[in-house]
């Protein structure tokens, strides 16, 4: 079975397709913006990558969300809840983690199906 990489770089690809499964790298927003703005940007990046991979958010299988501070959980969820397909929500986990830099508030990792 072939493997297709989207936006490959020297360290990682933004997405990898294997069979009918799409794996997205962790997506982050503009450093220094608030959690709502970063979440909005992340979800737009996810939409773009899923489209390029031949799928969309209705086919999400799993989402892993890392927040720099769990105090931002409710604010991030407001943006997530407005975006996610309510008929097809993925399995999801959210945790607090030290991200790549203190200017990042949220990182989201997605696995989706293509059919």
PDB file of N, CA and C in Angstrom:
ATOM      1  N   UNK A   1       0.849  -1.174   0.000  1.00  0.00           N
ATOM      2  CA  UNK A   1       0.000   0.000   0.000  1.00  0.00           C
ATOM      3  C   UNK A   1       0.899   1.242   0.000  1.00  0.00           C
ATOM      4  N   UNK A   2       0.596   2.172  -0.870  1.00  0.00           N
ATOM      5  CA  UNK A   2       1.413   3.377  -1.025  1.00  0.00           C
ATOM      6  C   UNK A   2       1.218   4.336   0.147  1.00  0.00           C
ATOM      7  N   UNK A   3       2.250   5.115   0.386  1.00  0.00           N
ATOM      8  CA  UNK A   3       2.212   6.183   1.386  1.00  0.00           C
ATOM      9  C   UNK A   3       2.393   7.497   0.634  1.00  0.00           C
ATOM     10  N   UNK A   4       1.508   8.462   0.894  1.00  0.00           N
ATOM     11  CA  UNK A   4       1.582   9.785   0.263  1.00  0.00           C
ATOM     12  C   UNK A   4       1.788  10.821   1.361  1.00  0.00           C
ATOM     13  N   UNK A   5       2.772  11.694   1.176  1.00  0.00           N
ATOM     14  CA  UNK A   5       3.086  12.726   2.168  1.00  0.00           C
ATOM     15  C   UNK A   5       2.700  14.100   1.629  1.00  0.00           C
ATOM     16  N   UNK A   6       2.041  14.887   2.445  1.00  0.00           N
ATOM     17  CA  UNK A   6       1.642  16.247   2.089  1.00  0.00           C
ATOM     18  C   UNK A   6       2.537  17.222   2.831  1.00  0.00           C
ATOM     19  N   UNK A   7       3.109  18.154   2.088  1.00  0.00           N
ATOM     20  CA  UNK A   7       4.029  19.161   2.625  1.00  0.00           C
ATOM     21  C   UNK A   7       5.143  18.517   3.455  1.00  0.00           C
ATOM     22  N   UNK A   8       5.896  17.593   2.829  1.00  0.00           N
ATOM     23  CA  UNK A   8       7.008  16.991   3.565  1.00  0.00           C
ATOM     24  C   UNK A   8       8.142  17.987   3.770  1.00  0.00           C
ATOM     25  N   UNK A   9       8.785  17.885   4.889  1.00  0.00           N
ATOM     26  CA  UNK A   9       9.938  18.721   5.187  1.00  0.00           C
ATOM     27  C   UNK A   9      11.063  17.841   5.692  1.00  0.00           C
ATOM     28  N   UNK A  10      12.152  18.440   6.116  1.00  0.00           N
ATOM     29  CA  UNK A  10      13.291  17.644   6.573  1.00  0.00           C
ATOM     30  C   UNK A  10      13.016  16.900   7.890  1.00  0.00           C
ATOM     31  N   UNK A  11      12.074  17.396   8.680  1.00  0.00           N
ATOM     32  CA  UNK A  11      11.794  16.794   9.979  1.00  0.00           C
ATOM     33  C   UNK A  11      10.474  16.031  10.008  1.00  0.00           C
ATOM     34  N   UNK A  12       9.502  16.512   9.253  1.00  0.00           N
ATOM     35  CA  UNK A  12       8.158  15.927   9.320  1.00  0.00           C
ATOM     36  C   UNK A  12       7.339  16.338   8.111  1.00  0.00           C
ATOM     37  N   UNK A  13       6.242  15.635   7.919  1.00  0.00           N
ATOM     38  CA  UNK A  13       5.245  15.994   6.910  1.00  0.00           C
ATOM     39  C   UNK A  13       4.040  16.566   7.636  1.00  0.00           C
ATOM     40  N   UNK A  14       3.329  17.482   6.999  1.00  0.00           N
ATOM     41  CA  UNK A  14       2.131  18.036   7.619  1.00  0.00           C
ATOM     42  C   UNK A  14       1.002  17.019   7.654  1.00  0.00           C
ATOM     43  N   UNK A  15       0.996  16.086   6.692  1.00  0.00           N
ATOM     44  CA  UNK A  15       0.004  15.014   6.674  1.00  0.00           C
ATOM     45  C   UNK A  15       0.605  13.814   5.963  1.00  0.00           C
ATOM     46  N   UNK A  16       0.169  12.622   6.377  1.00  0.00           N
ATOM     47  CA  UNK A  16       0.580  11.380   5.731  1.00  0.00           C
ATOM     48  C   UNK A  16      -0.679  10.561   5.477  1.00  0.00           C
ATOM     49  N   UNK A  17      -0.802  10.061   4.249  1.00  0.00           N
ATOM     50  CA  UNK A  17      -1.936   9.218   3.875  1.00  0.00           C
ATOM     51  C   UNK A  17      -1.417   7.802   3.675  1.00  0.00           C
ATOM     52  N   UNK A  18      -2.043   6.863   4.342  1.00  0.00           N
ATOM     53  CA  UNK A  18      -1.727   5.443   4.160  1.00  0.00           C
ATOM     54  C   UNK A  18      -3.059   4.721   4.015  1.00  0.00           C
ATOM     55  N   UNK A  19      -3.292   4.169   2.853  1.00  0.00           N
ATOM     56  CA  UNK A  19      -4.591   3.552   2.598  1.00  0.00           C
ATOM     57  C   UNK A  19      -5.668   4.623   2.651  1.00  0.00           C
ATOM     58  N   UNK A  20      -6.683   4.390   3.462  1.00  0.00           N
ATOM     59  CA  UNK A  20      -7.771   5.358   3.614  1.00  0.00           C
ATOM     60  C   UNK A  20      -7.695   6.119   4.931  1.00  0.00           C
ATOM     61  N   UNK A  21      -6.498   6.166   5.515  1.00  0.00           N
ATOM     62  CA  UNK A  21      -6.316   6.879   6.776  1.00  0.00           C
ATOM     63  C   UNK A  21      -5.376   8.055   6.567  1.00  0.00           C
ATOM     64  N   UNK A  22      -5.749   9.194   7.132  1.00  0.00           N
ATOM     65  CA  UNK A  22      -4.961  10.419   7.044  1.00  0.00           C
ATOM     66  C   UNK A  22      -4.501  10.791   8.451  1.00  0.00           C
ATOM     67  N   UNK A  23      -3.206  11.001   8.599  1.00  0.00           N
ATOM     68  CA  UNK A  23      -2.602  11.389   9.872  1.00  0.00           C
ATOM     69  C   UNK A  23      -2.057  12.801   9.726  1.00  0.00           C
ATOM     70  N   UNK A  24      -2.538  13.722  10.530  1.00  0.00           N
ATOM     71  CA  UNK A  24      -2.038  15.095  10.484  1.00  0.00           C
ATOM     72  C   UNK A  24      -1.023  15.317  11.595  1.00  0.00           C
ATOM     73  N   UNK A  25       0.008  16.077  11.275  1.00  0.00           N
ATOM     74  CA  UNK A  25       0.956  16.517  12.290  1.00  0.00           C
ATOM     75  C   UNK A  25       0.239  17.490  13.226  1.00  0.00           C
ATOM     76  N   UNK A  26       0.801  17.722  14.378  1.00  0.00           N
ATOM     77  CA  UNK A  26       0.229  18.706  15.291  1.00  0.00           C
ATOM     78  C   UNK A  26       0.202  20.070  14.630  1.00  0.00           C
ATOM     79  N   UNK A  27      -0.955  20.707  14.677  1.00  0.00           N
ATOM     80  CA  UNK A  27      -1.144  22.025  14.065  1.00  0.00           C
ATOM     81  C   UNK A  27      -1.196  23.079  15.160  1.00  0.00           C
ATOM     82  N   UNK A  28      -0.490  24.193  14.926  1.00  0.00           N
ATOM     83  CA  UNK A  28      -0.471  25.302  15.876  1.00  0.00           C
ATOM     84  C   UNK A  28      -0.832  26.587  15.146  1.00  0.00           C
ATOM     85  N   UNK A  29      -1.246  27.581  15.922  1.00  0.00           N
ATOM     86  CA  UNK A  29      -1.614  28.875  15.359  1.00  0.00           C
ATOM     87  C   UNK A  29      -0.471  29.871  15.453  1.00  0.00           C
ATOM     88  N   UNK A  30      -0.797  31.117  15.202  1.00  0.00           N
ATOM     89  CA  UNK A  30       0.187  32.192  15.242  1.00  0.00           C
ATOM     90  C   UNK A  30       0.663  32.421  16.674  1.00  0.00           C
ATOM     91  N   UNK A  31       1.965  32.343  16.902  1.00  0.00           N
ATOM     92  CA  UNK A  31       2.485  32.542  18.251  1.00  0.00           C
ATOM     93  C   UNK A  31       2.065  33.894  18.821  1.00  0.00           C
ATOM     94  N   UNK A  32       1.700  33.891  20.085  1.00  0.00           N
ATOM     95  CA  UNK A  32       1.364  35.124  20.780  1.00  0.00           C
ATOM     96  C   UNK A  32      -0.107  35.492  20.761  1.00  0.00           C
ATOM     97  N   UNK A  33      -0.899  34.911  19.866  1.00  0.00           N
ATOM     98  CA  UNK A  33      -2.340  35.186  19.866  1.00  0.00           C
ATOM     99  C   UNK A  33      -2.994  34.425  21.013  1.00  0.00           C
ATOM    100  N   UNK A  34      -4.233  34.773  21.317  1.00  0.00           N
ATOM    101  CA  UNK A  34      -4.974  34.099  22.376  1.00  0.00           C
ATOM    102  C   UNK A  34      -5.408  32.704  21.963  1.00  0.00           C
ATOM    103  N   UNK A  35      -5.896  31.934  22.919  1.00  0.00           N
ATOM    104  CA  UNK A  35      -6.255  30.547  22.637  1.00  0.00           C
ATOM    105  C   UNK A  35      -7.402  30.434  21.633  1.00  0.00           C
ATOM    106  N   UNK A  36      -8.379  31.323  21.680  1.00  0.00           N
ATOM    107  CA  UNK A  36      -9.485  31.268  20.716  1.00  0.00           C
ATOM    108  C   UNK A  36      -8.979  31.530  19.304  1.00  0.00           C
ATOM    109  N   UNK A  37      -8.145  32.535  19.145  1.00  0.00           N
ATOM    110  CA  UNK A  37      -7.602  32.856  17.822  1.00  0.00           C
ATOM    111  C   UNK A  37      -6.715  31.730  17.310  1.00  0.00           C
ATOM    112  N   UNK A  38      -5.856  31.198  18.178  1.00  0.00           N
ATOM    113  CA  UNK A  38      -4.990  30.102  17.751  1.00  0.00           C
ATOM    114  C   UNK A  38      -5.814  28.867  17.383  1.00  0.00           C
ATOM    115  N   UNK A  39      -6.844  28.570  18.163  1.00  0.00           N
ATOM    116  CA  UNK A  39      -7.689  27.415  17.861  1.00  0.00           C
ATOM    117  C   UNK A  39      -8.376  27.597  16.510  1.00  0.00           C
ATOM    118  N   UNK A  40      -8.878  28.780  16.236  1.00  0.00           N
ATOM    119  CA  UNK A  40      -9.514  29.074  14.947  1.00  0.00           C
ATOM    120  C   UNK A  40      -8.534  28.850  13.806  1.00  0.00           C
ATOM    121  N   UNK A  41      -7.303  29.331  13.961  1.00  0.00           N
ATOM    122  CA  UNK A  41      -6.290  29.145  12.922  1.00  0.00           C
ATOM    123  C   UNK A  41      -5.934  27.665  12.745  1.00  0.00           C
ATOM    124  N   UNK A  42      -5.802  26.947  13.849  1.00  0.00           N
ATOM    125  CA  UNK A  42      -5.477  25.517  13.795  1.00  0.00           C
ATOM    126  C   UNK A  42      -6.566  24.760  13.041  1.00  0.00           C
ATOM    127  N   UNK A  43      -7.814  25.043  13.351  1.00  0.00           N
ATOM    128  CA  UNK A  43      -8.918  24.337  12.700  1.00  0.00           C
ATOM    129  C   UNK A  43      -8.982  24.667  11.205  1.00  0.00           C
ATOM    130  N   UNK A  44      -8.632  25.886  10.839  1.00  0.00           N
ATOM    131  CA  UNK A  44      -8.562  26.246   9.415  1.00  0.00           C
ATOM    132  C   UNK A  44      -7.440  25.459   8.731  1.00  0.00           C
ATOM    133  N   UNK A  45      -6.315  25.292   9.394  1.00  0.00           N
ATOM    134  CA  UNK A  45      -5.218  24.486   8.843  1.00  0.00           C
ATOM    135  C   UNK A  45      -5.642  23.033   8.683  1.00  0.00           C
ATOM    136  N   UNK A  46      -6.364  22.523   9.670  1.00  0.00           N
ATOM    137  CA  UNK A  46      -6.855  21.142   9.605  1.00  0.00           C
ATOM    138  C   UNK A  46      -7.807  20.990   8.424  1.00  0.00           C
ATOM    139  N   UNK A  47      -8.736  21.923   8.254  1.00  0.00           N
ATOM    140  CA  UNK A  47      -9.655  21.872   7.111  1.00  0.00           C
ATOM    141  C   UNK A  47      -8.886  21.841   5.790  1.00  0.00           C
ATOM    142  N   UNK A  48      -7.887  22.697   5.672  1.00  0.00           N
ATOM    143  CA  UNK A  48      -7.093  22.791   4.438  1.00  0.00           C
ATOM    144  C   UNK A  48      -6.353  21.480   4.158  1.00  0.00           C
ATOM    145  N   UNK A  49      -5.703  20.923   5.177  1.00  0.00           N
ATOM    146  CA  UNK A  49      -4.947  19.681   4.987  1.00  0.00           C
ATOM    147  C   UNK A  49      -5.863  18.497   4.693  1.00  0.00           C
ATOM    148  N   UNK A  50      -7.002  18.441   5.379  1.00  0.00           N
ATOM    149  CA  UNK A  50      -7.950  17.359   5.108  1.00  0.00           C
ATOM    150  C   UNK A  50      -8.462  17.437   3.676  1.00  0.00           C
ATOM    151  N   UNK A  51      -8.759  18.641   3.212  1.00  0.00           N
ATOM    152  CA  UNK A  51      -9.226  18.810   1.832  1.00  0.00           C
ATOM    153  C   UNK A  51      -8.160  18.335   0.850  1.00  0.00           C
ATOM    154  N   UNK A  52      -6.916  18.722   1.098  1.00  0.00           N
ATOM    155  CA  UNK A  52      -5.833  18.298   0.215  1.00  0.00           C
ATOM    156  C   UNK A  52      -5.667  16.773   0.228  1.00  0.00           C
ATOM    157  N   UNK A  53      -5.995  16.155   1.357  1.00  0.00           N
ATOM    158  CA  UNK A  53      -5.884  14.699   1.494  1.00  0.00           C
ATOM    159  C   UNK A  53      -7.115  13.972   0.952  1.00  0.00           C
ATOM    160  N   UNK A  54      -8.125  14.722   0.523  1.00  0.00           N
ATOM    161  CA  UNK A  54      -9.314  14.104  -0.053  1.00  0.00           C
ATOM    162  C   UNK A  54     -10.369  13.715   0.962  1.00  0.00           C
ATOM    163  N   UNK A  55     -10.445  14.458   2.055  1.00  0.00           N
ATOM    164  CA  UNK A  55     -11.441  14.173   3.088  1.00  0.00           C
ATOM    165  C   UNK A  55     -11.882  15.476   3.746  1.00  0.00           C
ATOM    166  N   UNK A  56     -12.631  15.378   4.829  1.00  0.00           N
ATOM    167  CA  UNK A  56     -13.089  16.572   5.542  1.00  0.00           C
ATOM    168  C   UNK A  56     -13.383  16.217   7.002  1.00  0.00           C
ATOM    169  N   UNK A  57     -13.790  17.226   7.767  1.00  0.00           N
ATOM    170  CA  UNK A  57     -13.978  17.033   9.208  1.00  0.00           C
ATOM    171  C   UNK A  57     -15.104  16.066   9.560  1.00  0.00           C
ATOM    172  N   UNK A  58     -15.972  15.730   8.625  1.00  0.00           N
ATOM    173  CA  UNK A  58     -17.023  14.746   8.913  1.00  0.00           C
ATOM    174  C   UNK A  58     -16.446  13.331   9.022  1.00  0.00           C
ATOM    175  N   UNK A  59     -15.184  13.166   8.636  1.00  0.00           N
ATOM    176  CA  UNK A  59     -14.535  11.854   8.655  1.00  0.00           C
ATOM    177  C   UNK A  59     -13.465  11.751   9.742  1.00  0.00           C
ATOM    178  N   UNK A  60     -13.497  12.664  10.715  1.00  0.00           N
ATOM    179  CA  UNK A  60     -12.508  12.597  11.796  1.00  0.00           C
ATOM    180  C   UNK A  60     -12.681  11.315  12.591  1.00  0.00           C
ATOM    181  N   UNK A  61     -11.574  10.665  12.890  1.00  0.00           N
ATOM    182  CA  UNK A  61     -11.581   9.478  13.729  1.00  0.00           C
ATOM    183  C   UNK A  61     -11.129   9.808  15.150  1.00  0.00           C
ATOM    184  N   UNK A  62     -10.063  10.615  15.249  1.00  0.00           N
ATOM    185  CA  UNK A  62      -9.483  10.918  16.550  1.00  0.00           C
ATOM    186  C   UNK A  62      -8.885  12.314  16.546  1.00  0.00           C
ATOM    187  N   UNK A  63      -9.008  12.991  17.672  1.00  0.00           N
ATOM    188  CA  UNK A  63      -8.370  14.290  17.876  1.00  0.00           C
ATOM    189  C   UNK A  63      -7.656  14.263  19.222  1.00  0.00           C
ATOM    190  N   UNK A  64      -6.418  14.710  19.209  1.00  0.00           N
ATOM    191  CA  UNK A  64      -5.659  14.884  20.444  1.00  0.00           C
ATOM    192  C   UNK A  64      -5.353  16.371  20.553  1.00  0.00           C
ATOM    193  N   UNK A  65      -5.776  16.974  21.644  1.00  0.00           N
ATOM    194  CA  UNK A  65      -5.606  18.415  21.827  1.00  0.00           C
ATOM    195  C   UNK A  65      -4.705  18.648  23.030  1.00  0.00           C
ATOM    196  N   UNK A  66      -3.659  19.427  22.804  1.00  0.00           N
ATOM    197  CA  UNK A  66      -2.759  19.818  23.885  1.00  0.00           C
ATOM    198  C   UNK A  66      -2.948  21.308  24.143  1.00  0.00           C
ATOM    199  N   UNK A  67      -3.185  21.657  25.387  1.00  0.00           N
ATOM    200  CA  UNK A  67      -3.284  23.053  25.812  1.00  0.00           C
ATOM    201  C   UNK A  67      -2.093  23.377  26.699  1.00  0.00           C
ATOM    202  N   UNK A  68      -1.563  24.564  26.548  1.00  0.00           N
ATOM    203  CA  UNK A  68      -0.480  24.994  27.419  1.00  0.00           C
ATOM    204  C   UNK A  68      -0.988  25.184  28.848  1.00  0.00           C
ATOM    205  N   UNK A  69      -2.287  25.495  28.974  1.00  0.00           N
ATOM    206  CA  UNK A  69      -2.887  25.728  30.290  1.00  0.00           C
ATOM    207  C   UNK A  69      -4.338  25.253  30.251  1.00  0.00           C
ATOM    208  N   UNK A  70      -4.679  24.295  31.099  1.00  0.00           N
ATOM    209  CA  UNK A  70      -6.045  23.770  31.124  1.00  0.00           C
ATOM    210  C   UNK A  70      -7.076  24.838  31.512  1.00  0.00           C
ATOM    211  N   UNK A  71      -6.629  25.968  32.014  1.00  0.00           N
ATOM    212  CA  UNK A  71      -7.545  27.071  32.293  1.00  0.00           C
ATOM    213  C   UNK A  71      -8.185  27.578  30.991  1.00  0.00           C
ATOM    214  N   UNK A  72      -7.575  27.270  29.853  1.00  0.00           N
ATOM    215  CA  UNK A  72      -8.095  27.688  28.542  1.00  0.00           C
ATOM    216  C   UNK A  72      -9.060  26.670  27.939  1.00  0.00           C
ATOM    217  N   UNK A  73      -9.389  25.600  28.668  1.00  0.00           N
ATOM    218  CA  UNK A  73     -10.211  24.508  28.155  1.00  0.00           C
ATOM    219  C   UNK A  73     -11.569  24.993  27.645  1.00  0.00           C
ATOM    220  N   UNK A  74     -12.277  25.770  28.428  1.00  0.00           N
ATOM    221  CA  UNK A  74     -13.614  26.233  28.032  1.00  0.00           C
ATOM    222  C   UNK A  74     -13.547  27.146  26.806  1.00  0.00           C
ATOM    223  N   UNK A  75     -12.569  28.027  26.762  1.00  0.00           N
ATOM    224  CA  UNK A  75     -12.437  28.945  25.627  1.00  0.00           C
ATOM    225  C   UNK A  75     -12.106  28.185  24.343  1.00  0.00           C
ATOM    226  N   UNK A  76     -11.208  27.206  24.430  1.00  0.00           N
ATOM    227  CA  UNK A  76     -10.881  26.384  23.263  1.00  0.00           C
ATOM    228  C   UNK A  76     -12.109  25.598  22.821  1.00  0.00           C
ATOM    229  N   UNK A  77     -12.857  25.032  23.794  1.00  0.00           N
ATOM    230  CA  UNK A  77     -14.043  24.237  23.461  1.00  0.00           C
ATOM    231  C   UNK A  77     -15.118  25.048  22.749  1.00  0.00           C
ATOM    232  N   UNK A  78     -15.254  26.324  23.057  1.00  0.00           N
ATOM    233  CA  UNK A  78     -16.232  27.160  22.347  1.00  0.00           C
ATOM    234  C   UNK A  78     -15.935  27.185  20.865  1.00  0.00           C
ATOM    235  N   UNK A  79     -14.671  27.316  20.517  1.00  0.00           N
ATOM    236  CA  UNK A  79     -14.279  27.355  19.106  1.00  0.00           C
ATOM    237  C   UNK A  79     -14.422  25.958  18.498  1.00  0.00           C
ATOM    238  N   UNK A  80     -13.958  24.938  19.211  1.00  0.00           N
ATOM    239  CA  UNK A  80     -14.055  23.555  18.728  1.00  0.00           C
ATOM    240  C   UNK A  80     -15.513  23.172  18.474  1.00  0.00           C
ATOM    241  N   UNK A  81     -16.388  23.453  19.455  1.00  0.00           N
ATOM    242  CA  UNK A  81     -17.796  23.058  19.350  1.00  0.00           C
ATOM    243  C   UNK A  81     -18.498  23.721  18.163  1.00  0.00           C
ATOM    244  N   UNK A  82     -18.101  24.942  17.823  1.00  0.00           N
ATOM    245  CA  UNK A  82     -18.686  25.627  16.673  1.00  0.00           C
ATOM    246  C   UNK A  82     -18.172  25.052  15.355  1.00  0.00           C
ATOM    247  N   UNK A  83     -17.023  24.384  15.398  1.00  0.00           N
ATOM    248  CA  UNK A  83     -16.383  23.853  14.188  1.00  0.00           C
ATOM    249  C   UNK A  83     -16.699  22.384  13.928  1.00  0.00           C
ATOM    250  N   UNK A  84     -16.668  21.574  14.951  1.00  0.00           N
ATOM    251  CA  UNK A  84     -16.774  20.118  14.766  1.00  0.00           C
ATOM    252  C   UNK A  84     -18.137  19.744  14.179  1.00  0.00           C
ATOM    253  N   UNK A  85     -18.153  18.692  13.346  1.00  0.00           N
ATOM    254  CA  UNK A  85     -19.400  18.195  12.776  1.00  0.00           C
ATOM    255  C   UNK A  85     -20.175  17.488  13.894  1.00  0.00           C
ATOM    256  N   UNK A  86     -21.301  18.048  14.360  1.00  0.00           N
ATOM    257  CA  UNK A  86     -21.998  17.468  15.509  1.00  0.00           C
ATOM    258  C   UNK A  86     -22.542  16.061  15.255  1.00  0.00           C
ATOM    259  N   UNK A  87     -22.747  15.705  13.993  1.00  0.00           N
ATOM    260  CA  UNK A  87     -23.233  14.362  13.664  1.00  0.00           C
ATOM    261  C   UNK A  87     -22.104  13.341  13.626  1.00  0.00           C
ATOM    262  N   UNK A  88     -20.860  13.822  13.575  1.00  0.00           N
ATOM    263  CA  UNK A  88     -19.709  12.925  13.422  1.00  0.00           C
ATOM    264  C   UNK A  88     -18.526  13.351  14.289  1.00  0.00           C
ATOM    265  N   UNK A  89     -18.713  13.511  15.595  1.00  0.00           N
ATOM    266  CA  UNK A  89     -17.582  13.923  16.428  1.00  0.00           C
ATOM    267  C   UNK A  89     -16.568  12.784  16.558  1.00  0.00           C
ATOM    268  N   UNK A  90     -15.274  13.123  16.618  1.00  0.00           N
ATOM    269  CA  UNK A  90     -14.253  12.089  16.751  1.00  0.00           C
ATOM    270  C   UNK A  90     -14.095  11.648  18.208  1.00  0.00           C
ATOM    271  N   UNK A  91     -13.371  10.560  18.395  1.00  0.00           N
ATOM    272  CA  UNK A  91     -12.861  10.254  19.731  1.00  0.00           C
ATOM    273  C   UNK A  91     -11.863  11.374  20.033  1.00  0.00           C
ATOM    274  N   UNK A  92     -11.850  11.874  21.266  1.00  0.00           N
ATOM    275  CA  UNK A  92     -11.023  13.045  21.548  1.00  0.00           C
ATOM    276  C   UNK A  92     -10.432  12.971  22.944  1.00  0.00           C
ATOM    277  N   UNK A  93      -9.208  13.445  23.060  1.00  0.00           N
ATOM    278  CA  UNK A  93      -8.559  13.599  24.356  1.00  0.00           C
ATOM    279  C   UNK A  93      -7.956  14.996  24.402  1.00  0.00           C
ATOM    280  N   UNK A  94      -7.991  15.609  25.578  1.00  0.00           N
ATOM    281  CA  UNK A  94      -7.389  16.927  25.772  1.00  0.00           C
ATOM    282  C   UNK A  94      -6.545  16.871  27.031  1.00  0.00           C
ATOM    283  N   UNK A  95      -5.351  17.409  26.937  1.00  0.00           N
ATOM    284  CA  UNK A  95      -4.472  17.442  28.097  1.00  0.00           C
ATOM    285  C   UNK A  95      -3.643  18.706  28.111  1.00  0.00           C
ATOM    286  N   UNK A  96      -2.977  18.918  29.221  1.00  0.00           N
ATOM    287  CA  UNK A  96      -2.087  20.061  29.364  1.00  0.00           C
ATOM    288  C   UNK A  96      -0.661  19.598  29.116  1.00  0.00           C
ATOM    289  N   UNK A  97       0.074  20.395  28.347  1.00  0.00           N
ATOM    290  CA  UNK A  97       1.443  20.037  28.017  1.00  0.00           C
ATOM    291  C   UNK A  97       2.265  21.303  27.770  1.00  0.00           C
ATOM    292  N   UNK A  98       3.533  21.219  28.063  1.00  0.00           N
ATOM    293  CA  UNK A  98       4.440  22.292  27.680  1.00  0.00           C
ATOM    294  C   UNK A  98       4.614  22.182  26.171  1.00  0.00           C
ATOM    295  N   UNK A  99       4.220  23.209  25.428  1.00  0.00           N
ATOM    296  CA  UNK A  99       4.304  23.181  23.973  1.00  0.00           C
ATOM    297  C   UNK A  99       5.678  23.673  23.522  1.00  0.00           C
ATOM    298  N   UNK A 100       5.890  23.780  22.219  1.00  0.00           N
ATOM    299  CA  UNK A 100       7.206  24.105  21.663  1.00  0.00           C
ATOM    300  C   UNK A 100       7.763  25.436  22.172  1.00  0.00           C
ATOM    301  N   UNK A 101       6.895  26.329  22.550  1.00  0.00           N
ATOM    302  CA  UNK A 101       7.307  27.624  23.093  1.00  0.00           C
ATOM    303  C   UNK A 101       6.164  28.225  23.869  1.00  0.00           C
ATOM    304  N   UNK A 102       6.451  29.133  24.807  1.00  0.00           N
ATOM    305  CA  UNK A 102       5.389  29.692  25.649  1.00  0.00           C
ATOM    306  C   UNK A 102       4.373  30.538  24.892  1.00  0.00           C
ATOM    307  N   UNK A 103       4.683  30.910  23.662  1.00  0.00           N
ATOM    308  CA  UNK A 103       3.768  31.713  22.851  1.00  0.00           C
ATOM    309  C   UNK A 103       2.668  30.862  22.212  1.00  0.00           C
ATOM    310  N   UNK A 104       2.802  29.545  22.273  1.00  0.00           N
ATOM    311  CA  UNK A 104       1.783  28.645  21.741  1.00  0.00           C
ATOM    312  C   UNK A 104       0.810  28.263  22.853  1.00  0.00           C
ATOM    313  N   UNK A 105      -0.489  28.310  22.542  1.00  0.00           N
ATOM    314  CA  UNK A 105      -1.542  28.011  23.524  1.00  0.00           C
ATOM    315  C   UNK A 105      -2.205  26.659  23.282  1.00  0.00           C
ATOM    316  N   UNK A 106      -2.235  26.211  22.015  1.00  0.00           N
ATOM    317  CA  UNK A 106      -2.962  24.990  21.666  1.00  0.00           C
ATOM    318  C   UNK A 106      -2.280  24.303  20.482  1.00  0.00           C
ATOM    319  N   UNK A 107      -2.296  22.975  20.513  1.00  0.00           N
ATOM    320  CA  UNK A 107      -1.835  22.157  19.394  1.00  0.00           C
ATOM    321  C   UNK A 107      -2.829  21.017  19.226  1.00  0.00           C
ATOM    322  N   UNK A 108      -3.232  20.780  17.978  1.00  0.00           N
ATOM    323  CA  UNK A 108      -4.235  19.732  17.720  1.00  0.00           C
ATOM    324  C   UNK A 108      -3.684  18.751  16.691  1.00  0.00           C
ATOM    325  N   UNK A 109      -3.826  17.465  17.011  1.00  0.00           N
ATOM    326  CA  UNK A 109      -3.385  16.358  16.151  1.00  0.00           C
ATOM    327  C   UNK A 109      -4.641  15.594  15.723  1.00  0.00           C
ATOM    328  N   UNK A 110      -4.742  15.277  14.445  1.00  0.00           N
ATOM    329  CA  UNK A 110      -5.948  14.650  13.886  1.00  0.00           C
ATOM    330  C   UNK A 110      -5.607  13.363  13.134  1.00  0.00           C
ATOM    331  N   UNK A 111      -6.491  12.379  13.258  1.00  0.00           N
ATOM    332  CA  UNK A 111      -6.492  11.195  12.399  1.00  0.00           C
ATOM    333  C   UNK A 111      -7.882  11.153  11.766  1.00  0.00           C
ATOM    334  N   UNK A 112      -7.925  10.954  10.436  1.00  0.00           N
ATOM    335  CA  UNK A 112      -9.210  10.949   9.726  1.00  0.00           C
ATOM    336  C   UNK A 112      -9.229   9.833   8.682  1.00  0.00           C
ATOM    337  N   UNK A 113     -10.442   9.474   8.293  1.00  0.00           N
ATOM    338  CA  UNK A 113     -10.655   8.497   7.224  1.00  0.00           C
ATOM    339  C   UNK A 113     -10.847   9.244   5.908  1.00  0.00           C
ATOM    340  N   UNK A 114     -10.624   8.545   4.807  1.00  0.00           N
ATOM    341  CA  UNK A 114     -10.855   9.156   3.495  1.00  0.00           C
ATOM    342  C   UNK A 114     -12.106   8.619   2.826  1.00  0.00           C
ATOM    343  N   UNK A 115     -12.726   7.590   3.341  1.00  0.00           N
ATOM    344  CA  UNK A 115     -13.949   7.098   2.685  1.00  0.00           C
ATOM    345  C   UNK A 115     -15.131   7.133   3.603  1.00  0.00           C
TER     346      UNK A 115
END
